[in-house]
Amino acid sequence: MGMTETLFDRLQSLESTISLTLNYRMNKTITDLANSLTYNGELLVANESVGTSTLNIPKEKALFESCKNQQWIVKALDTKLKSAVKIIDTGAVWNRNDEVEWSVNNKSEINKNSVHNIHEAAIIANLANALMEGGVLPQNMGVIATFNNQVKQLSSLLNPNIDVSTVDQFQGRDKNIIFYSCTKSVHRSEESGDRKFDIMEDHRRLNVAITRAKNKLILVGDLKTVQMYKPFSKLLKCVENSQIMKLQDDIDGFSWSFVLNNVRK
């Protein structure tokens, strides 16, 4: 008489469910990325106001003028709708010999065997500081990292009013600007084993991370490393070349020593 069917089976039946396809959070560029990665084009922008909303930097002209010798910052923080998604490729930083210590205050909290990346943290800190100089409130920014140690590292560098969390902790929240630190940068031989249970193979976590942003999404990572994971490989195929920035010393005013010195304590 139907008693063998559980309540959840009934709730999950086609007759009991509808798809919520209207998106009231993300602008068109970020929505297009989410559609390509996960929703197969079914996610719709609710209205023109949501779809065309872009990063607002109150003192944009003054900020970009002050950064004229650091064009990488200007390019990363471009406020055009097409630039609402930016992928910043740090290159391989696992083999760099920059003398930068952890800046986490309580070093007893740090598990040295856990994954962390001071280079990505420094990039995000420099960009977040530039946004605040441009009049963006820290409360409008969010930073997501895959690993707990990276969350601790980022939290120690950033304004305390900027939300910094793992993907799981950020679920259900959103911000005008989201930075996502992929964190891992390793030699390919170190990742040659079975990655099935690696947290970076979790497609759902990546989808949650990129859909927290309303107006601007900046993903920072070593692309040679992250593209070894299926969700990230798929994401990188969904973005245009113009949305990817490769950081190199002496290109667009970028300098690792300058960026790291800005966060060295």
Protein backbone atom coordinates (compact mmCIF):
# COMPACT_ATOMS: atom_id res chain seq x y z
CA MET A 1 0.00 0.00 0.00
CA GLY A 2 2.99 2.28 -0.51
CA MET A 3 4.40 2.01 3.01
CA THR A 4 7.70 0.65 1.64
CA GLU A 5 8.34 4.01 -0.06
CA THR A 6 10.14 6.43 2.23
CA LEU A 7 9.16 10.06 2.69
CA PHE A 8 12.38 11.15 1.00
CA ASP A 9 11.70 8.90 -1.99
CA ARG A 10 8.36 10.64 -2.41
CA LEU A 11 9.88 14.10 -2.02
CA GLN A 12 12.49 13.32 -4.68
CA SER A 13 10.04 12.08 -7.28
CA LEU A 14 9.52 14.11 -10.46
CA GLU A 15 5.94 14.85 -9.42
CA SER A 16 7.13 16.44 -6.16
CA THR A 17 9.94 18.67 -7.38
CA ILE A 18 10.43 21.74 -9.51
CA SER A 19 13.68 23.37 -10.65
CA LEU A 20 14.43 26.84 -9.32
CA THR A 21 16.20 28.33 -12.33
CA LEU A 22 15.97 32.08 -11.67
CA ASN A 23 19.18 33.49 -10.22
CA TYR A 24 19.00 36.72 -8.23
CA ARG A 25 22.67 36.77 -7.19
CA MET A 26 25.22 36.49 -9.99
CA ASN A 27 25.70 38.76 -12.97
CA LYS A 28 25.59 37.35 -16.49
CA THR A 29 29.29 36.52 -16.79
CA ILE A 30 29.42 34.54 -13.54
CA THR A 31 26.10 32.87 -14.37
CA ASP A 32 27.45 31.79 -17.76
CA LEU A 33 30.42 30.15 -16.01
CA ALA A 34 28.13 28.34 -13.54
CA ASN A 35 25.94 27.17 -16.41
CA SER A 36 28.92 25.79 -18.34
CA LEU A 37 30.36 24.09 -15.28
CA THR A 38 27.21 22.66 -13.68
CA TYR A 39 23.76 23.77 -14.81
CA ASN A 40 23.84 23.01 -18.54
CA GLY A 41 22.47 26.42 -19.46
CA GLU A 42 19.33 26.08 -17.32
CA LEU A 43 20.24 28.81 -14.82
CA LEU A 44 18.70 32.15 -15.80
CA VAL A 45 19.45 35.68 -14.69
CA ALA A 46 16.36 37.01 -12.90
CA ASN A 47 16.42 40.50 -14.40
CA GLU A 48 18.57 43.04 -16.26
CA SER A 49 19.66 44.76 -13.06
CA VAL A 50 21.16 41.53 -11.67
CA GLY A 51 22.60 40.44 -15.00
CA THR A 52 24.52 43.64 -15.73
CA SER A 53 25.71 44.47 -12.19
CA THR A 54 29.48 44.85 -12.08
CA LEU A 55 32.22 45.49 -9.56
CA ASN A 56 31.83 48.99 -8.11
CA ILE A 57 35.03 50.70 -6.99
CA PRO A 58 33.98 54.13 -5.63
CA LYS A 59 37.43 55.66 -6.20
CA GLU A 60 38.21 53.63 -9.32
CA LYS A 61 39.94 56.39 -11.29
CA ALA A 62 42.22 57.37 -8.40
CA LEU A 63 43.01 53.74 -7.59
CA PHE A 64 43.95 52.81 -11.14
CA GLU A 65 46.01 55.96 -11.46
CA SER A 66 47.97 55.02 -8.32
CA CYS A 67 48.44 51.50 -9.77
CA LYS A 68 49.63 52.66 -13.21
CA ASN A 69 53.00 51.00 -12.54
CA GLN A 70 51.26 47.77 -11.49
CA GLN A 71 49.03 47.05 -14.44
CA TRP A 72 48.45 43.49 -13.22
CA ILE A 73 46.29 44.97 -10.42
CA VAL A 74 44.37 47.13 -12.91
CA LYS A 75 43.75 44.11 -15.14
CA ALA A 76 42.72 41.87 -12.25
CA LEU A 77 40.25 44.45 -10.90
CA ASP A 78 38.82 45.46 -14.29
CA THR A 79 35.20 46.48 -13.68
CA LYS A 80 33.81 45.61 -17.12
CA LEU A 81 31.08 42.94 -17.21
CA LYS A 82 33.19 40.65 -19.39
CA SER A 83 35.91 40.78 -16.73
CA ALA A 84 33.61 39.74 -13.88
CA VAL A 85 35.49 36.42 -13.94
CA LYS A 86 39.29 36.52 -13.68
CA ILE A 87 41.57 33.51 -13.38
CA ILE A 88 45.01 34.44 -12.06
CA ASP A 89 47.70 31.88 -12.86
CA THR A 90 50.57 32.13 -10.37
CA GLY A 91 52.58 29.53 -12.21
CA ALA A 92 54.47 26.88 -10.26
CA VAL A 93 55.28 28.35 -6.85
CA TRP A 94 56.06 25.03 -5.17
CA ASN A 95 59.70 25.34 -6.27
CA ARG A 96 60.24 29.01 -5.42
CA ASN A 97 62.80 29.86 -2.73
CA ASP A 98 61.24 33.09 -1.50
CA GLU A 99 62.06 33.52 2.18
CA VAL A 100 58.60 34.14 3.55
CA GLU A 101 57.54 32.69 6.87
CA TRP A 102 54.03 31.95 7.93
CA SER A 103 52.44 35.09 9.31
CA VAL A 104 49.89 33.24 11.41
CA ASN A 105 50.20 34.65 14.93
CA ASN A 106 49.75 31.39 16.80
CA LYS A 107 52.14 29.03 15.09
CA SER A 108 50.94 26.14 17.27
CA GLU A 109 47.76 26.18 15.16
CA ILE A 110 49.69 25.36 11.99
CA ASN A 111 50.02 21.84 10.69
CA LYS A 112 53.13 22.11 8.53
CA ASN A 113 52.14 18.97 6.64
CA SER A 114 48.87 20.51 5.55
CA VAL A 115 48.49 22.40 2.30
CA HIS A 116 49.11 26.14 2.33
CA ASN A 117 50.35 28.71 -0.18
CA ILE A 118 51.81 32.04 0.94
CA HIS A 119 52.16 33.19 -2.69
CA GLU A 120 48.43 32.94 -3.38
CA ALA A 121 47.68 34.52 -0.02
CA ALA A 122 49.98 37.44 -0.88
CA ILE A 123 48.29 38.00 -4.25
CA ILE A 124 44.85 38.06 -2.65
CA ALA A 125 46.02 40.36 0.16
CA ASN A 126 47.51 42.84 -2.33
CA LEU A 127 44.30 42.90 -4.40
CA ALA A 128 42.03 43.17 -1.35
CA ASN A 129 44.11 46.07 -0.01
CA ALA A 130 43.91 47.80 -3.38
CA LEU A 131 40.12 47.44 -3.37
CA MET A 132 39.91 48.98 0.09
CA GLU A 133 42.11 51.86 -1.09
CA GLY A 134 39.56 52.30 -3.86
CA GLY A 135 36.75 52.64 -1.33
CA VAL A 136 35.38 49.08 -1.38
CA LEU A 137 34.18 48.00 2.06
CA PRO A 138 35.90 44.88 3.43
CA GLN A 139 32.46 43.54 4.37
CA ASN A 140 31.70 43.30 0.63
CA MET A 141 34.58 40.88 0.07
CA GLY A 142 34.83 37.18 0.74
CA VAL A 143 37.78 34.81 0.47
CA ILE A 144 37.38 31.07 0.06
CA ALA A 145 40.19 28.52 0.34
CA THR A 146 40.15 24.78 -0.15
CA PHE A 147 42.24 23.94 2.91
CA ASN A 148 42.03 25.00 6.57
CA ASN A 149 45.70 25.98 6.79
CA GLN A 150 45.24 28.38 3.90
CA VAL A 151 42.23 29.92 5.65
CA LYS A 152 44.45 30.57 8.70
CA GLN A 153 47.18 32.06 6.53
CA LEU A 154 44.77 34.34 4.68
CA SER A 155 43.00 35.40 7.87
CA SER A 156 46.30 36.55 9.34
CA LEU A 157 47.02 38.79 6.33
CA LEU A 158 43.63 40.29 5.59
CA ASN A 159 41.44 42.94 7.20
CA PRO A 160 39.45 41.20 9.98
CA ASN A 161 36.17 42.39 8.42
CA ILE A 162 36.79 40.29 5.30
CA ASP A 163 35.09 36.91 5.58
CA VAL A 164 37.61 34.09 5.08
CA SER A 165 36.34 30.51 5.14
CA THR A 166 36.50 27.10 3.56
CA VAL A 167 33.98 26.28 0.86
CA ASP A 168 31.78 24.36 3.29
CA GLN A 169 31.63 27.25 5.74
CA PHE A 170 30.77 29.74 2.98
CA GLN A 171 27.79 27.77 1.66
CA GLY A 172 24.59 29.80 1.84
CA ARG A 173 26.42 33.15 1.85
CA ASP A 174 27.43 35.55 -0.88
CA LYS A 175 29.58 38.64 -1.42
CA ASN A 176 30.01 41.27 -4.11
CA ILE A 177 33.57 40.07 -4.62
CA ILE A 178 34.85 36.55 -4.05
CA PHE A 179 38.49 35.48 -4.11
CA TYR A 180 39.08 31.75 -4.39
CA SER A 181 42.49 30.35 -3.42
CA CYS A 182 43.05 26.95 -5.03
CA THR A 183 46.14 26.62 -2.79
CA LYS A 184 47.79 23.50 -4.23
CA SER A 185 50.97 23.91 -6.25
CA VAL A 186 52.94 20.69 -6.67
CA HIS A 187 55.17 18.86 -9.12
CA ARG A 188 53.08 16.63 -11.38
CA SER A 189 54.82 13.51 -10.07
CA GLU A 190 53.47 14.23 -6.57
CA GLU A 191 49.90 14.05 -7.87
CA SER A 192 50.31 10.98 -10.04
CA GLY A 193 48.36 8.65 -7.75
CA ASP A 194 44.64 8.05 -7.33
CA ARG A 195 43.00 11.45 -6.77
CA LYS A 196 39.44 10.11 -6.51
CA PHE A 197 39.07 11.11 -2.86
CA ASP A 198 41.01 14.37 -3.04
CA ILE A 199 38.92 17.33 -1.92
CA MET A 200 39.82 19.14 -5.15
CA GLU A 201 38.00 16.45 -7.14
CA ASP A 202 34.72 17.50 -5.51
CA HIS A 203 32.74 19.20 -8.27
CA ARG A 204 30.08 20.43 -5.84
CA ARG A 205 32.58 22.34 -3.70
CA LEU A 206 33.98 24.14 -6.74
CA ASN A 207 30.48 25.01 -7.89
CA VAL A 208 29.59 26.44 -4.46
CA ALA A 209 32.79 28.51 -4.44
CA ILE A 210 32.26 30.19 -7.81
CA THR A 211 28.56 30.87 -7.21
CA ARG A 212 29.11 32.90 -4.03
CA ALA A 213 30.13 35.97 -6.07
CA LYS A 214 27.64 38.63 -7.15
CA ASN A 215 29.77 40.99 -9.22
CA LYS A 216 33.35 39.73 -9.35
CA LEU A 217 35.03 36.33 -9.06
CA ILE A 218 38.83 36.10 -8.88
CA LEU A 219 40.27 32.59 -8.80
CA VAL A 220 43.98 32.34 -7.92
CA GLY A 221 45.99 29.21 -8.52
CA ASP A 222 48.80 27.33 -10.21
CA LEU A 223 46.92 26.26 -13.32
CA LYS A 224 49.31 23.43 -14.19
CA THR A 225 48.47 21.89 -10.83
CA VAL A 226 44.75 22.57 -10.65
CA GLN A 227 44.00 21.38 -14.18
CA MET A 228 45.02 17.87 -13.08
CA TYR A 229 41.69 17.75 -11.25
CA LYS A 230 38.58 17.13 -13.36
CA PRO A 231 36.34 19.94 -11.97
CA PHE A 232 39.07 22.56 -12.43
CA SER A 233 40.00 21.21 -15.85
CA LYS A 234 36.38 21.59 -16.93
CA LEU A 235 36.17 25.10 -15.46
CA LEU A 236 39.29 26.25 -17.33
CA LYS A 237 37.74 25.07 -20.59
CA CYS A 238 34.69 27.26 -19.85
CA VAL A 239 36.58 30.57 -19.64
CA GLU A 240 37.99 32.69 -22.43
CA ASN A 241 41.68 33.42 -22.83
CA SER A 242 41.02 37.08 -22.06
CA GLN A 243 39.78 36.05 -18.60
CA ILE A 244 43.07 34.34 -17.68
CA MET A 245 46.06 36.29 -16.36
CA LYS A 246 49.53 34.75 -16.10
CA LEU A 247 51.70 36.39 -13.44
CA GLN A 248 55.36 36.77 -14.34
CA ASP A 249 58.10 38.95 -12.92
CA ASP A 250 58.58 42.20 -14.87
CA ILE A 251 55.37 41.74 -16.86
CA ASP A 252 52.60 44.32 -16.26
CA GLY A 253 54.58 45.71 -13.34
CA PHE A 254 54.34 42.44 -11.42
CA SER A 255 57.08 41.42 -9.01
CA TRP A 256 56.99 38.53 -6.56
CA SER A 257 59.42 40.29 -4.24
CA PHE A 258 57.21 43.40 -4.12
CA VAL A 259 54.01 41.41 -3.58
CA LEU A 260 55.56 39.30 -0.83
CA ASN A 261 57.22 42.27 0.86
CA ASN A 262 53.80 43.87 1.20
CA VAL A 263 52.64 41.02 3.44
CA ARG A 264 55.89 40.14 5.20
CA LYS A 265 55.63 40.68 8.96
